[in-house]
Amino acid sequence: MTETRSDNVTWLTQEAYDRLKGEFDYLSGPGRKEIAAKIEAAREEGDLKENGGYHAAKEEQGKMEGRILQLRQILDNARVGEAPVSADGEVTPGMTVTVLFQGDDEEVTFLLASREEQGAPIDVYSPKSPLGSAINGKKIGEKATYTLPNGRAMTVEIIDAVPYAGA
């Protein structure tokens, strides 16, 4: 189940596409009807200023509509199949990457992919994260430096980069 982004294209396996399409279909159909019913039921309870159920339902509706828009964008830009594989050990989205943090003896392996891949059997780092953007396009043996949230610089060496093979 690999999802990667190349420019505006989202590469999805059939499994990932089907999962996201199912979520979209539910949220944009029955999900909208359910939240509308919750809002209507809460509205009938009276004064909307002090109606916690009404405000909670409206907030839930807003989050759901945001997710529907996000899913529509992913699905509209989706290409189902295997993402193009780079040659020569270049790090690209959809790769299982092993890095060595400077000053540390332990290697860390993770999947460089979209956050939609949460639930993968290994850790997932977004290509848009500080580490992901620093190593994207680098090759095995190269080093990359990125800035940590505390402002310090961290350097990693690319040890390995292979196409993600799934669970």
Protein backbone atom coordinates (compact mmCIF):
# COMPACT_ATOMS: atom_id res chain seq x y z
CA MET A 1 0.00 0.00 0.00
CA THR A 2 2.14 2.85 -1.26
CA GLU A 3 1.14 6.41 -1.86
CA THR A 4 3.65 8.90 -3.09
CA ARG A 5 3.51 12.33 -4.63
CA SER A 6 5.31 13.43 -7.75
CA ASP A 7 4.53 17.08 -8.48
CA ASN A 8 0.71 17.18 -8.38
CA VAL A 9 0.27 13.47 -9.09
CA THR A 10 -0.55 11.15 -6.21
CA TRP A 11 0.57 7.59 -6.89
CA LEU A 12 -1.68 5.05 -5.19
CA THR A 13 -1.81 1.30 -5.09
CA GLN A 14 -5.25 -0.07 -5.94
CA GLU A 15 -5.74 -0.90 -2.25
CA ALA A 16 -4.98 2.66 -1.11
CA TYR A 17 -7.19 4.14 -3.85
CA ASP A 18 -10.10 1.88 -2.92
CA ARG A 19 -9.72 2.75 0.78
CA LEU A 20 -9.69 6.50 0.12
CA LYS A 21 -12.53 6.28 -2.42
CA GLY A 22 -14.64 4.35 0.11
CA GLU A 23 -14.01 7.01 2.75
CA PHE A 24 -14.88 9.76 0.26
CA ASP A 25 -18.09 8.02 -0.84
CA TYR A 26 -19.21 7.52 2.77
CA LEU A 27 -18.39 11.05 3.94
CA SER A 28 -19.91 12.77 0.92
CA GLY A 29 -23.09 10.64 1.03
CA PRO A 30 -24.34 9.01 4.24
CA GLY A 31 -21.87 10.97 6.39
CA ARG A 32 -23.34 14.31 5.27
CA LYS A 33 -26.87 13.09 5.95
CA GLU A 34 -25.91 11.89 9.45
CA ILE A 35 -24.26 15.18 10.43
CA ALA A 36 -27.20 17.17 9.03
CA ALA A 37 -29.54 15.09 11.21
CA LYS A 38 -27.34 15.73 14.28
CA ILE A 39 -27.37 19.47 13.60
CA GLU A 40 -31.15 19.52 13.12
CA ALA A 41 -31.72 17.52 16.33
CA ALA A 42 -29.46 19.87 18.29
CA ARG A 43 -31.12 22.93 16.74
CA GLU A 44 -34.49 21.73 18.02
CA GLU A 45 -33.15 21.77 21.58
CA GLY A 46 -33.48 25.53 21.66
CA ASP A 47 -31.12 28.45 22.28
CA LEU A 48 -28.15 27.98 19.93
CA LYS A 49 -25.82 30.26 21.94
CA GLU A 50 -25.63 27.81 24.81
CA ASN A 51 -26.26 24.60 22.87
CA GLY A 52 -23.06 22.54 23.15
CA GLY A 53 -24.45 19.70 21.02
CA TYR A 54 -25.20 22.10 18.16
CA HIS A 55 -21.74 23.67 18.24
CA ALA A 56 -20.05 20.25 18.44
CA ALA A 57 -22.07 19.01 15.46
CA LYS A 58 -21.21 22.12 13.42
CA GLU A 59 -17.51 21.68 14.25
CA GLU A 60 -17.71 18.01 13.23
CA GLN A 61 -19.38 19.07 9.99
CA GLY A 62 -16.55 21.52 9.25
CA LYS A 63 -13.89 18.87 9.82
CA MET A 64 -15.77 16.39 7.66
CA GLU A 65 -16.12 18.89 4.79
CA GLY A 66 -12.37 19.61 5.01
CA ARG A 67 -11.60 15.88 4.77
CA ILE A 68 -13.97 15.54 1.80
CA LEU A 69 -12.08 18.32 -0.03
CA GLN A 70 -8.73 16.73 0.82
CA LEU A 71 -9.88 13.31 -0.42
CA ARG A 72 -11.33 14.81 -3.61
CA GLN A 73 -7.97 16.46 -4.36
CA ILE A 74 -6.04 13.24 -3.74
CA LEU A 75 -8.44 11.12 -5.82
CA ASP A 76 -8.64 13.67 -8.65
CA ASN A 77 -4.84 13.66 -8.95
CA ALA A 78 -4.42 9.92 -8.37
CA ARG A 79 -2.64 7.53 -10.67
CA VAL A 80 -3.23 3.93 -9.69
CA GLY A 81 -0.25 1.64 -10.04
CA GLU A 82 3.36 1.63 -9.05
CA ALA A 83 5.16 4.94 -8.69
CA PRO A 84 8.07 5.45 -11.04
CA VAL A 85 11.22 4.00 -9.51
CA SER A 86 14.33 6.12 -9.58
CA ALA A 87 17.59 4.68 -10.68
CA ASP A 88 20.92 4.66 -8.91
CA GLY A 89 19.56 4.55 -5.33
CA GLU A 90 18.02 8.02 -5.45
CA VAL A 91 15.63 8.81 -2.60
CA THR A 92 12.11 9.51 -3.87
CA PRO A 93 8.63 9.18 -2.38
CA GLY A 94 7.58 5.53 -2.20
CA MET A 95 11.03 4.40 -1.10
CA THR A 96 12.03 2.63 2.08
CA VAL A 97 14.94 4.75 3.26
CA THR A 98 17.62 3.94 5.82
CA VAL A 99 19.57 6.86 7.28
CA LEU A 100 22.28 7.29 9.87
CA PHE A 101 21.99 10.41 12.04
CA GLN A 102 25.29 12.24 12.53
CA GLY A 103 26.75 11.40 15.92
CA ASP A 104 24.59 8.29 16.31
CA ASP A 105 25.46 4.65 15.66
CA GLU A 106 21.88 3.53 15.07
CA GLU A 107 20.34 3.36 11.61
CA VAL A 108 16.70 4.39 11.18
CA THR A 109 14.52 2.94 8.42
CA PHE A 110 11.24 4.51 7.31
CA LEU A 111 8.88 4.90 4.35
CA LEU A 112 9.05 8.24 2.55
CA ALA A 113 5.39 8.72 1.60
CA SER A 114 2.26 10.76 2.10
CA ARG A 115 0.70 10.99 5.54
CA GLU A 116 -2.21 9.01 4.08
CA GLU A 117 -0.04 5.95 4.58
CA GLN A 118 -0.47 6.04 8.35
CA GLY A 119 -0.90 2.44 9.42
CA ALA A 120 1.99 1.17 7.30
CA PRO A 121 4.06 -1.46 9.15
CA ILE A 122 7.00 0.97 9.39
CA ASP A 123 7.25 4.66 10.32
CA VAL A 124 6.17 7.06 7.58
CA TYR A 125 7.87 10.40 6.96
CA SER A 126 6.27 12.89 4.60
CA PRO A 127 8.35 14.17 1.67
CA LYS A 128 7.25 17.63 2.88
CA SER A 129 8.66 17.14 6.39
CA PRO A 130 12.03 18.76 7.17
CA LEU A 131 13.83 15.39 6.98
CA GLY A 132 11.84 14.22 3.95
CA SER A 133 12.47 17.36 1.93
CA ALA A 134 16.19 17.30 2.85
CA ILE A 135 16.75 13.74 1.62
CA ASN A 136 14.38 13.75 -1.38
CA GLY A 137 16.52 13.49 -4.50
CA LYS A 138 19.71 12.52 -2.63
CA LYS A 139 21.53 9.27 -3.43
CA ILE A 140 22.92 6.47 -1.29
CA GLY A 141 26.12 7.66 0.39
CA GLU A 142 25.18 11.36 0.26
CA LYS A 143 24.51 13.49 3.31
CA ALA A 144 21.69 15.95 3.91
CA THR A 145 21.23 18.61 6.57
CA TYR A 146 17.90 19.91 7.81
CA THR A 147 16.67 22.13 10.64
CA LEU A 148 15.02 20.63 13.73
CA PRO A 149 12.02 22.36 15.35
CA ASN A 150 14.35 23.71 18.05
CA GLY A 151 16.43 25.47 15.36
CA ARG A 152 19.43 23.13 15.50
CA ALA A 153 20.79 21.58 12.34
CA MET A 154 20.81 17.78 11.95
CA THR A 155 22.78 15.87 9.33
CA VAL A 156 21.91 12.40 8.08
CA GLU A 157 23.69 10.05 5.70
CA ILE A 158 21.64 8.01 3.24
CA ILE A 159 22.54 4.35 3.85
CA ASP A 160 19.94 2.67 1.63
CA ALA A 161 16.90 3.53 -0.52
CA VAL A 162 14.79 0.79 -2.09
CA PRO A 163 11.24 0.71 -3.44
CA TYR A 164 8.69 0.02 -0.71
CA ALA A 165 7.64 -3.62 -0.89
CA GLY A 166 4.67 -3.40 1.49
CA ALA A 167 3.92 -5.39 4.61
